[in-house]
Amino acid sequence: WNDLFLMTKHAEMEDTDHETRLLPVISEVMLKEENTCCVNAMILNY
């Protein structure tokens, strides 16, 4: 988590487009659905 925070903090400091989001928004309810882990794993593979 710490390494990830340091890496993403650096990227966020260079990001000037705060309106665009690449990852889809996944609600708390959807995160608990059975297949959501594998869906996120496919995005991780990408």
All heavy atoms as atom14 arrays in JSON, in Angstrom:
{
  "sequence": "WNDLFLMTKHAEMEDTDHETRLLPVISEVMLKEENTCCVNAMILNY",
  "atom14_mask": [
    [1, 1, 1, 1, 1, 1, 1, 1, 1, 1, 1, 1, 1, 1],
    [1, 1, 1, 1, 1, 1, 1, 1, 0, 0, 0, 0, 0, 0],
    [1, 1, 1, 1, 1, 1, 1, 1, 0, 0, 0, 0, 0, 0],
    [1, 1, 1, 1, 1, 1, 1, 1, 0, 0, 0, 0, 0, 0],
    [1, 1, 1, 1, 1, 1, 1, 1, 1, 1, 1, 0, 0, 0],
    [1, 1, 1, 1, 1, 1, 1, 1, 0, 0, 0, 0, 0, 0],
    [1, 1, 1, 1, 1, 1, 1, 1, 0, 0, 0, 0, 0, 0],
    [1, 1, 1, 1, 1, 1, 1, 0, 0, 0, 0, 0, 0, 0],
    [1, 1, 1, 1, 1, 1, 1, 1, 1, 0, 0, 0, 0, 0],
    [1, 1, 1, 1, 1, 1, 1, 1, 1, 1, 0, 0, 0, 0],
    [1, 1, 1, 1, 1, 0, 0, 0, 0, 0, 0, 0, 0, 0],
    [1, 1, 1, 1, 1, 1, 1, 1, 1, 0, 0, 0, 0, 0],
    [1, 1, 1, 1, 1, 1, 1, 1, 0, 0, 0, 0, 0, 0],
    [1, 1, 1, 1, 1, 1, 1, 1, 1, 0, 0, 0, 0, 0],
    [1, 1, 1, 1, 1, 1, 1, 1, 0, 0, 0, 0, 0, 0],
    [1, 1, 1, 1, 1, 1, 1, 0, 0, 0, 0, 0, 0, 0],
    [1, 1, 1, 1, 1, 1, 1, 1, 0, 0, 0, 0, 0, 0],
    [1, 1, 1, 1, 1, 1, 1, 1, 1, 1, 0, 0, 0, 0],
    [1, 1, 1, 1, 1, 1, 1, 1, 1, 0, 0, 0, 0, 0],
    [1, 1, 1, 1, 1, 1, 1, 0, 0, 0, 0, 0, 0, 0],
    [1, 1, 1, 1, 1, 1, 1, 1, 1, 1, 1, 0, 0, 0],
    [1, 1, 1, 1, 1, 1, 1, 1, 0, 0, 0, 0, 0, 0],
    [1, 1, 1, 1, 1, 1, 1, 1, 0, 0, 0, 0, 0, 0],
    [1, 1, 1, 1, 1, 1, 1, 0, 0, 0, 0, 0, 0, 0],
    [1, 1, 1, 1, 1, 1, 1, 0, 0, 0, 0, 0, 0, 0],
    [1, 1, 1, 1, 1, 1, 1, 1, 0, 0, 0, 0, 0, 0],
    [1, 1, 1, 1, 1, 1, 0, 0, 0, 0, 0, 0, 0, 0],
    [1, 1, 1, 1, 1, 1, 1, 1, 1, 0, 0, 0, 0, 0],
    [1, 1, 1, 1, 1, 1, 1, 0, 0, 0, 0, 0, 0, 0],
    [1, 1, 1, 1, 1, 1, 1, 1, 0, 0, 0, 0, 0, 0],
    [1, 1, 1, 1, 1, 1, 1, 1, 0, 0, 0, 0, 0, 0],
    [1, 1, 1, 1, 1, 1, 1, 1, 1, 0, 0, 0, 0, 0],
    [1, 1, 1, 1, 1, 1, 1, 1, 1, 0, 0, 0, 0, 0],
    [1, 1, 1, 1, 1, 1, 1, 1, 1, 0, 0, 0, 0, 0],
    [1, 1, 1, 1, 1, 1, 1, 1, 0, 0, 0, 0, 0, 0],
    [1, 1, 1, 1, 1, 1, 1, 0, 0, 0, 0, 0, 0, 0],
    [1, 1, 1, 1, 1, 1, 0, 0, 0, 0, 0, 0, 0, 0],
    [1, 1, 1, 1, 1, 1, 0, 0, 0, 0, 0, 0, 0, 0],
    [1, 1, 1, 1, 1, 1, 1, 0, 0, 0, 0, 0, 0, 0],
    [1, 1, 1, 1, 1, 1, 1, 1, 0, 0, 0, 0, 0, 0],
    [1, 1, 1, 1, 1, 0, 0, 0, 0, 0, 0, 0, 0, 0],
    [1, 1, 1, 1, 1, 1, 1, 1, 0, 0, 0, 0, 0, 0],
    [1, 1, 1, 1, 1, 1, 1, 1, 0, 0, 0, 0, 0, 0],
    [1, 1, 1, 1, 1, 1, 1, 1, 0, 0, 0, 0, 0, 0],
    [1, 1, 1, 1, 1, 1, 1, 1, 0, 0, 0, 0, 0, 0],
    [1, 1, 1, 1, 1, 1, 1, 1, 1, 1, 1, 1, 0, 0]
  ],
  "atom14_positions": [
    [[0.84, -1.21, 0.0], [0.0, 0.0, 0.0], [0.87, 1.25, 0.0], [0.58, 2.23, -0.71], [-0.93, 0.02, 1.22], [-2.17, -0.79, 1.05], [-2.4, -2.05, 1.53], [-3.36, -0.4, 0.36], [-3.66, -2.46, 1.17], [-4.27, -1.47, 0.46], [-3.74, 0.74, -0.33], [-5.55, -1.43, -0.1], [-5.02, 0.79, -0.9], [-5.9, -0.29, -0.79]],
    [[1.95, 1.26, 0.77], [2.84, 2.42, 0.84], [3.54, 2.65, -0.5], [3.59, 3.79, -0.99], [3.87, 2.24, 1.96], [4.67, 3.51, 2.17], [4.11, 4.57, 2.38], [5.98, 3.38, 2.1], [0.0, 0.0, 0.0], [0.0, 0.0, 0.0], [0.0, 0.0, 0.0], [0.0, 0.0, 0.0], [0.0, 0.0, 0.0], [0.0, 0.0, 0.0]],
    [[4.09, 1.6, -1.1], [4.75, 1.73, -2.4], [3.76, 2.22, -3.46], [4.09, 3.07, -4.29], [5.34, 0.39, -2.85], [6.56, -0.02, -2.04], [7.18, 0.86, -1.42], [6.88, -1.22, -2.04], [0.0, 0.0, 0.0], [0.0, 0.0, 0.0], [0.0, 0.0, 0.0], [0.0, 0.0, 0.0], [0.0, 0.0, 0.0], [0.0, 0.0, 0.0]],
    [[2.56, 1.69, -3.42], [1.53, 2.09, -4.35], [1.17, 3.57, -4.16], [1.03, 4.32, -5.13], [0.29, 1.21, -4.14], [-0.83, 1.32, -5.13], [-0.37, 0.92, -6.52], [-1.99, 0.44, -4.7], [0.0, 0.0, 0.0], [0.0, 0.0, 0.0], [0.0, 0.0, 0.0], [0.0, 0.0, 0.0], [0.0, 0.0, 0.0], [0.0, 0.0, 0.0]],
    [[1.05, 3.98, -2.91], [0.74, 5.38, -2.62], [1.83, 6.31, -3.17], [1.52, 7.33, -3.8], [0.58, 5.59, -1.1], [0.41, 7.03, -0.73], [-0.8, 7.68, -0.91], [1.48, 7.75, -0.21], [-0.96, 9.01, -0.59], [1.34, 9.09, 0.12], [0.11, 9.73, -0.07], [0.0, 0.0, 0.0], [0.0, 0.0, 0.0], [0.0, 0.0, 0.0]],
    [[3.08, 5.96, -2.95], [4.18, 6.81, -3.43], [4.21, 6.88, -4.96], [4.42, 7.95, -5.53], [5.51, 6.3, -2.89], [5.69, 6.42, -1.37], [6.95, 5.69, -0.92], [5.71, 7.88, -0.94], [0.0, 0.0, 0.0], [0.0, 0.0, 0.0], [0.0, 0.0, 0.0], [0.0, 0.0, 0.0], [0.0, 0.0, 0.0], [0.0, 0.0, 0.0]],
    [[3.97, 5.75, -5.62], [3.97, 5.72, -7.08], [2.81, 6.56, -7.64], [3.0, 7.39, -8.53], [3.86, 4.29, -7.59], [3.85, 4.18, -9.11], [3.45, 2.53, -9.69], [1.67, 2.52, -9.52], [0.0, 0.0, 0.0], [0.0, 0.0, 0.0], [0.0, 0.0, 0.0], [0.0, 0.0, 0.0], [0.0, 0.0, 0.0], [0.0, 0.0, 0.0]],
    [[1.61, 6.35, -7.1], [0.45, 7.06, -7.64], [0.46, 8.54, -7.28], [-0.02, 9.36, -8.06], [-0.87, 6.41, -7.18], [-0.92, 6.38, -5.76], [-1.0, 5.0, -7.74], [0.0, 0.0, 0.0], [0.0, 0.0, 0.0], [0.0, 0.0, 0.0], [0.0, 0.0, 0.0], [0.0, 0.0, 0.0], [0.0, 0.0, 0.0], [0.0, 0.0, 0.0]],
    [[1.02, 8.88, -6.14], [1.12, 10.29, -5.75], [1.95, 11.05, -6.77], [1.59, 12.16, -7.19], [1.73, 10.41, -4.35], [1.84, 11.84, -3.86], [2.46, 11.87, -2.47], [2.67, 13.29, -2.03], [3.42, 13.37, -0.78], [0.0, 0.0, 0.0], [0.0, 0.0, 0.0], [0.0, 0.0, 0.0], [0.0, 0.0, 0.0], [0.0, 0.0, 0.0]],
    [[3.04, 10.46, -7.19], [3.9, 11.07, -8.19], [3.14, 11.28, -9.5], [3.22, 12.34, -10.13], [5.14, 10.2, -8.43], [6.11, 10.78, -9.4], [7.02, 11.75, -9.05], [6.29, 10.54, -10.72], [7.73, 12.07, -10.12], [7.31, 11.35, -11.15], [0.0, 0.0, 0.0], [0.0, 0.0, 0.0], [0.0, 0.0, 0.0], [0.0, 0.0, 0.0]],
    [[2.39, 10.28, -9.92], [1.61, 10.39, -11.17], [0.51, 11.43, -11.04], [0.27, 12.21, -11.97], [1.02, 9.03, -11.52], [0.0, 0.0, 0.0], [0.0, 0.0, 0.0], [0.0, 0.0, 0.0], [0.0, 0.0, 0.0], [0.0, 0.0, 0.0], [0.0, 0.0, 0.0], [0.0, 0.0, 0.0], [0.0, 0.0, 0.0], [0.0, 0.0, 0.0]],
    [[-0.16, 11.46, -9.91], [-1.25, 12.42, -9.7], [-0.75, 13.87, -9.7], [-1.47, 14.77, -10.12], [-1.98, 12.11, -8.4], [-2.81, 10.84, -8.48], [-3.32, 10.36, -7.13], [-3.02, 10.99, -6.09], [-4.0, 9.32, -7.12], [0.0, 0.0, 0.0], [0.0, 0.0, 0.0], [0.0, 0.0, 0.0], [0.0, 0.0, 0.0], [0.0, 0.0, 0.0]],
    [[0.48, 14.08, -9.24], [1.03, 15.44, -9.23], [1.24, 15.96, -10.65], [1.16, 17.16, -10.89], [2.34, 15.49, -8.43], [2.1, 15.34, -6.96], [3.53, 15.47, -5.84], [4.96, 15.32, -6.81], [0.0, 0.0, 0.0], [0.0, 0.0, 0.0], [0.0, 0.0, 0.0], [0.0, 0.0, 0.0], [0.0, 0.0, 0.0], [0.0, 0.0, 0.0]],
    [[1.5, 15.07, -11.59], [1.7, 15.46, -12.99], [0.39, 15.51, -13.78], [0.37, 16.03, -14.9], [2.66, 14.48, -13.67], [4.07, 14.58, -13.18], [5.01, 13.7, -13.98], [4.59, 13.17, -15.03], [6.16, 13.56, -13.56], [0.0, 0.0, 0.0], [0.0, 0.0, 0.0], [0.0, 0.0, 0.0], [0.0, 0.0, 0.0], [0.0, 0.0, 0.0]],
    [[-0.67, 14.98, -13.22], [-1.96, 14.9, -13.92], [-2.66, 16.26, -13.87], [-2.93, 16.79, -12.8], [-2.83, 13.82, -13.28], [-4.12, 13.59, -14.03], [-4.28, 14.11, -15.15], [-4.99, 12.87, -13.49], [0.0, 0.0, 0.0], [0.0, 0.0, 0.0], [0.0, 0.0, 0.0], [0.0, 0.0, 0.0], [0.0, 0.0, 0.0], [0.0, 0.0, 0.0]],
    [[-2.95, 16.81, -15.04], [-3.66, 18.1, -15.11], [-5.12, 17.93, -15.48], [-5.9, 18.88, -15.37], [-2.99, 19.02, -16.14], [-2.97, 18.35, -17.42], [-1.57, 19.38, -15.71], [0.0, 0.0, 0.0], [0.0, 0.0, 0.0], [0.0, 0.0, 0.0], [0.0, 0.0, 0.0], [0.0, 0.0, 0.0], [0.0, 0.0, 0.0], [0.0, 0.0, 0.0]],
    [[-5.52, 16.75, -15.9], [-6.9, 16.49, -16.3], [-7.64, 15.8, -15.16], [-7.57, 14.59, -14.99], [-6.92, 15.6, -17.56], [-8.33, 15.27, -18.02], [-9.29, 15.85, -17.48], [-8.46, 14.44, -18.93], [0.0, 0.0, 0.0], [0.0, 0.0, 0.0], [0.0, 0.0, 0.0], [0.0, 0.0, 0.0], [0.0, 0.0, 0.0], [0.0, 0.0, 0.0]],
    [[-8.35, 16.6, -14.38], [-9.05, 16.06, -13.22], [-10.5, 15.69, -13.53], [-11.22, 15.24, -12.64], [-8.98, 17.04, -12.06], [-7.57, 17.41, -11.7], [-6.69, 16.51, -11.12], [-6.87, 18.55, -11.87], [-5.52, 17.09, -10.95], [-5.6, 18.32, -11.39], [0.0, 0.0, 0.0], [0.0, 0.0, 0.0], [0.0, 0.0, 0.0], [0.0, 0.0, 0.0]],
    [[-10.92, 15.87, -14.77], [-12.29, 15.57, -15.17], [-12.43, 14.15, -15.71], [-13.49, 13.54, -15.61], [-12.76, 16.56, -16.24], [-12.72, 18.02, -15.79], [-13.65, 18.28, -14.61], [-14.8, 17.8, -14.64], [-13.21, 18.95, -13.67], [0.0, 0.0, 0.0], [0.0, 0.0, 0.0], [0.0, 0.0, 0.0], [0.0, 0.0, 0.0], [0.0, 0.0, 0.0]],
    [[-11.37, 13.62, -16.3], [-11.42, 12.31, -16.95], [-11.07, 11.21, -15.95], [-10.19, 11.37, -15.12], [-10.41, 12.26, -18.11], [-10.69, 13.34, -18.99], [-10.51, 10.96, -18.87], [0.0, 0.0, 0.0], [0.0, 0.0, 0.0], [0.0, 0.0, 0.0], [0.0, 0.0, 0.0], [0.0, 0.0, 0.0], [0.0, 0.0, 0.0], [0.0, 0.0, 0.0]],
    [[-11.79, 10.11, -16.09], [-11.48, 8.93, -15.28], [-11.48, 7.74, -16.23], [-12.39, 7.55, -17.01], [-12.53, 8.74, -14.2], [-12.22, 7.52, -13.36], [-12.96, 7.51, -12.07], [-12.79, 6.21, -11.46], [-13.11, 5.94, -10.23], [-13.61, 6.89, -9.48], [-12.94, 4.75, -9.74], [0.0, 0.0, 0.0], [0.0, 0.0, 0.0], [0.0, 0.0, 0.0]],
    [[-10.43, 6.93, -16.15], [-10.29, 5.77, -17.01], [-10.99, 4.54, -16.44], [-11.68, 3.83, -17.16], [-8.81, 5.46, -17.25], [-7.99, 6.59, -17.89], [-6.52, 6.22, -17.91], [-8.49, 6.89, -19.28], [0.0, 0.0, 0.0], [0.0, 0.0, 0.0], [0.0, 0.0, 0.0], [0.0, 0.0, 0.0], [0.0, 0.0, 0.0], [0.0, 0.0, 0.0]],
    [[-10.8, 4.3, -15.15], [-11.43, 3.13, -14.51], [-12.91, 3.4, -14.3], [-13.3, 4.5, -13.91], [-10.79, 2.86, -13.14], [-9.44, 2.18, -13.15], [-8.83, 2.2, -11.75], [-9.56, 0.75, -13.63], [0.0, 0.0, 0.0], [0.0, 0.0, 0.0], [0.0, 0.0, 0.0], [0.0, 0.0, 0.0], [0.0, 0.0, 0.0], [0.0, 0.0, 0.0]],
    [[-13.75, 2.4, -14.56], [-15.18, 2.58, -14.3], [-15.43, 2.69, -12.79], [-14.68, 2.12, -11.99], [-15.82, 1.32, -14.87], [-14.73, 0.32, -14.93], [-13.44, 1.08, -15.09], [0.0, 0.0, 0.0], [0.0, 0.0, 0.0], [0.0, 0.0, 0.0], [0.0, 0.0, 0.0], [0.0, 0.0, 0.0], [0.0, 0.0, 0.0], [0.0, 0.0, 0.0]],
    [[-16.45, 3.41, -12.42], [-16.82, 3.52, -11.01], [-17.54, 2.23, -10.63], [-18.47, 1.81, -11.31], [-17.73, 4.74, -10.76], [-18.2, 4.78, -9.32], [-17.01, 6.03, -11.13], [0.0, 0.0, 0.0], [0.0, 0.0, 0.0], [0.0, 0.0, 0.0], [0.0, 0.0, 0.0], [0.0, 0.0, 0.0], [0.0, 0.0, 0.0], [0.0, 0.0, 0.0]],
    [[-17.1, 1.61, -9.55], [-17.73, 0.38, -9.07], [-18.21, 0.66, -7.65], [-17.41, 0.97, -6.77], [-16.75, -0.81, -9.08], [-16.23, -1.04, -10.51], [-17.43, -2.06, -8.54], [-15.23, -2.17, -10.63], [0.0, 0.0, 0.0], [0.0, 0.0, 0.0], [0.0, 0.0, 0.0], [0.0, 0.0, 0.0], [0.0, 0.0, 0.0], [0.0, 0.0, 0.0]],
    [[-19.51, 0.57, -7.47], [-20.1, 0.87, -6.16], [-19.72, -0.19, -5.14], [-19.27, -1.29, -5.48], [-21.63, 0.95, -6.28], [-22.16, -0.34, -6.48], [0.0, 0.0, 0.0], [0.0, 0.0, 0.0], [0.0, 0.0, 0.0], [0.0, 0.0, 0.0], [0.0, 0.0, 0.0], [0.0, 0.0, 0.0], [0.0, 0.0, 0.0], [0.0, 0.0, 0.0]],
    [[-19.96, 0.15, -3.87], [-19.68, -0.78, -2.78], [-20.48, -2.07, -2.94], [-19.99, -3.17, -2.69], [-20.03, -0.12, -1.44], [-18.94, -0.21, -0.43], [-19.33, 0.47, 0.86], [-19.29, 1.71, 0.9], [-19.67, -0.26, 1.81], [0.0, 0.0, 0.0], [0.0, 0.0, 0.0], [0.0, 0.0, 0.0], [0.0, 0.0, 0.0], [0.0, 0.0, 0.0]],
    [[-21.71, -1.93, -3.4], [-22.57, -3.1, -3.6], [-22.0, -3.98, -4.71], [-21.92, -5.2, -4.57], [-24.02, -2.65, -3.94], [-24.88, -3.84, -4.33], [-24.63, -1.9, -2.77], [0.0, 0.0, 0.0], [0.0, 0.0, 0.0], [0.0, 0.0, 0.0], [0.0, 0.0, 0.0], [0.0, 0.0, 0.0], [0.0, 0.0, 0.0], [0.0, 0.0, 0.0]],
    [[-21.57, -3.37, -5.81], [-21.01, -4.14, -6.93], [-19.71, -4.82, -6.53], [-19.39, -5.9, -7.01], [-20.78, -3.26, -8.15], [-22.06, -2.88, -8.87], [-21.76, -2.08, -10.45], [-21.39, -0.41, -9.94], [0.0, 0.0, 0.0], [0.0, 0.0, 0.0], [0.0, 0.0, 0.0], [0.0, 0.0, 0.0], [0.0, 0.0, 0.0], [0.0, 0.0, 0.0]],
    [[-18.92, -4.18, -5.64], [-17.66, -4.78, -5.2], [-17.89, -6.09, -4.45], [-17.0, -6.94, -4.4], [-16.88, -3.82, -4.32], [-16.18, -2.67, -5.02], [-15.61, -1.69, -4.01], [-15.1, -3.17, -5.95], [0.0, 0.0, 0.0], [0.0, 0.0, 0.0], [0.0, 0.0, 0.0], [0.0, 0.0, 0.0], [0.0, 0.0, 0.0], [0.0, 0.0, 0.0]],
    [[-19.06, -6.27, -3.88], [-19.37, -7.48, -3.12], [-19.95, -8.58, -3.99], [-20.12, -9.7, -3.53], [-20.35, -7.16, -1.98], [-19.84, -6.11, -1.01], [-18.55, -6.52, -0.35], [-18.04, -5.43, 0.58], [-16.64, -5.52, 0.85], [0.0, 0.0, 0.0], [0.0, 0.0, 0.0], [0.0, 0.0, 0.0], [0.0, 0.0, 0.0], [0.0, 0.0, 0.0]],
    [[-20.25, -8.29, -5.27], [-20.78, -9.31, -6.17], [-19.71, -10.38, -6.41], [-18.52, -10.09, -6.43], [-21.21, -8.69, -7.5], [-22.43, -7.81, -7.37], [-22.8, -7.13, -8.68], [-22.15, -7.37, -9.72], [-23.75, -6.32, -8.65], [0.0, 0.0, 0.0], [0.0, 0.0, 0.0], [0.0, 0.0, 0.0], [0.0, 0.0, 0.0], [0.0, 0.0, 0.0]],
    [[-20.17, -11.58, -6.63], [-19.28, -12.75, -6.71], [-18.2, -12.63, -7.79], [-17.06, -12.98, -7.59], [-20.11, -14.01, -6.95], [-19.31, -15.27, -6.83], [-20.18, -16.51, -6.96], [-21.36, -16.46, -6.62], [-19.64, -17.52, -7.41], [0.0, 0.0, 0.0], [0.0, 0.0, 0.0], [0.0, 0.0, 0.0], [0.0, 0.0, 0.0], [0.0, 0.0, 0.0]],
    [[-18.56, -12.11, -8.97], [-17.6, -12.12, -10.08], [-16.75, -10.85, -10.17], [-15.88, -10.76, -11.02], [-18.33, -12.35, -11.41], [-19.2, -11.17, -11.81], [-19.44, -10.25, -11.02], [-19.7, -11.2, -13.02], [0.0, 0.0, 0.0], [0.0, 0.0, 0.0], [0.0, 0.0, 0.0], [0.0, 0.0, 0.0], [0.0, 0.0, 0.0], [0.0, 0.0, 0.0]],
    [[-16.95, -9.89, -9.29], [-16.24, -8.62, -9.39], [-14.74, -8.78, -9.2], [-13.96, -8.08, -9.85], [-16.8, -7.59, -8.38], [-18.21, -7.46, -8.62], [-16.15, -6.24, -8.55], [0.0, 0.0, 0.0], [0.0, 0.0, 0.0], [0.0, 0.0, 0.0], [0.0, 0.0, 0.0], [0.0, 0.0, 0.0], [0.0, 0.0, 0.0], [0.0, 0.0, 0.0]],
    [[-14.31, -9.7, -8.38], [-12.87, -9.91, -8.19], [-12.22, -10.28, -9.51], [-11.18, -9.74, -9.89], [-12.62, -11.0, -7.15], [-10.87, -11.37, -6.92], [0.0, 0.0, 0.0], [0.0, 0.0, 0.0], [0.0, 0.0, 0.0], [0.0, 0.0, 0.0], [0.0, 0.0, 0.0], [0.0, 0.0, 0.0], [0.0, 0.0, 0.0], [0.0, 0.0, 0.0]],
    [[-12.84, -11.19, -10.25], [-12.26, -11.63, -11.52], [-12.34, -10.53, -12.58], [-11.43, -10.42, -13.41], [-12.95, -12.9, -12.0], [-12.51, -14.34, -10.99], [0.0, 0.0, 0.0], [0.0, 0.0, 0.0], [0.0, 0.0, 0.0], [0.0, 0.0, 0.0], [0.0, 0.0, 0.0], [0.0, 0.0, 0.0], [0.0, 0.0, 0.0], [0.0, 0.0, 0.0]],
    [[-13.37, -9.73, -12.54], [-13.46, -8.59, -13.46], [-12.29, -7.64, -13.19], [-11.59, -7.2, -14.11], [-14.81, -7.85, -13.32], [-14.81, -6.54, -14.08], [-15.96, -8.75, -13.8], [0.0, 0.0, 0.0], [0.0, 0.0, 0.0], [0.0, 0.0, 0.0], [0.0, 0.0, 0.0], [0.0, 0.0, 0.0], [0.0, 0.0, 0.0], [0.0, 0.0, 0.0]],
    [[-12.05, -7.34, -11.92], [-10.93, -6.47, -11.56], [-9.59, -7.12, -11.89], [-8.64, -6.44, -12.27], [-11.01, -6.09, -10.09], [-12.15, -5.15, -9.8], [-12.48, -4.29, -10.61], [-12.78, -5.32, -8.66], [0.0, 0.0, 0.0], [0.0, 0.0, 0.0], [0.0, 0.0, 0.0], [0.0, 0.0, 0.0], [0.0, 0.0, 0.0], [0.0, 0.0, 0.0]],
    [[-9.51, -8.44, -11.79], [-8.29, -9.16, -12.15], [-8.01, -9.02, -13.65], [-6.85, -8.92, -14.06], [-8.39, -10.63, -11.74], [0.0, 0.0, 0.0], [0.0, 0.0, 0.0], [0.0, 0.0, 0.0], [0.0, 0.0, 0.0], [0.0, 0.0, 0.0], [0.0, 0.0, 0.0], [0.0, 0.0, 0.0], [0.0, 0.0, 0.0], [0.0, 0.0, 0.0]],
    [[-9.06, -9.01, -14.47], [-8.88, -8.83, -15.92], [-8.37, -7.42, -16.22], [-7.51, -7.23, -17.09], [-10.19, -9.07, -16.67], [-10.67, -10.51, -16.66], [-9.49, -11.65, -17.4], [-9.0, -12.61, -15.98], [0.0, 0.0, 0.0], [0.0, 0.0, 0.0], [0.0, 0.0, 0.0], [0.0, 0.0, 0.0], [0.0, 0.0, 0.0], [0.0, 0.0, 0.0]],
    [[-8.9, -6.43, -15.5], [-8.4, -5.06, -15.67], [-6.94, -5.0, -15.21], [-6.1, -4.36, -15.85], [-9.29, -4.05, -14.92], [-10.69, -4.01, -15.54], [-8.65, -2.65, -14.94], [-11.7, -3.16, -14.79], [0.0, 0.0, 0.0], [0.0, 0.0, 0.0], [0.0, 0.0, 0.0], [0.0, 0.0, 0.0], [0.0, 0.0, 0.0], [0.0, 0.0, 0.0]],
    [[-6.62, -5.69, -14.12], [-5.23, -5.75, -13.65], [-4.32, -6.36, -14.71], [-3.22, -5.84, -14.95], [-5.15, -6.57, -12.36], [-3.75, -6.85, -11.82], [-3.01, -5.56, -11.51], [-3.83, -7.74, -10.59], [0.0, 0.0, 0.0], [0.0, 0.0, 0.0], [0.0, 0.0, 0.0], [0.0, 0.0, 0.0], [0.0, 0.0, 0.0], [0.0, 0.0, 0.0]],
    [[-4.76, -7.42, -15.37], [-3.96, -8.03, -16.43], [-3.69, -7.02, -17.55], [-2.58, -6.97, -18.09], [-4.66, -9.27, -16.99], [-4.66, -10.41, -16.01], [-3.82, -10.48, -15.12], [-5.61, -11.3, -16.15], [0.0, 0.0, 0.0], [0.0, 0.0, 0.0], [0.0, 0.0, 0.0], [0.0, 0.0, 0.0], [0.0, 0.0, 0.0], [0.0, 0.0, 0.0]],
    [[-4.7, -6.23, -17.91], [-4.53, -5.19, -18.93], [-3.49, -4.16, -18.45], [-2.61, -3.76, -19.21], [-5.87, -4.5, -19.23], [-5.8, -3.58, -20.42], [-6.09, -4.05, -21.7], [-5.44, -2.25, -20.28], [-6.03, -3.22, -22.8], [-5.36, -1.41, -21.37], [-5.67, -1.89, -22.63], [-5.58, -1.06, -23.72], [0.0, 0.0, 0.0], [0.0, 0.0, 0.0]]
  ]
}
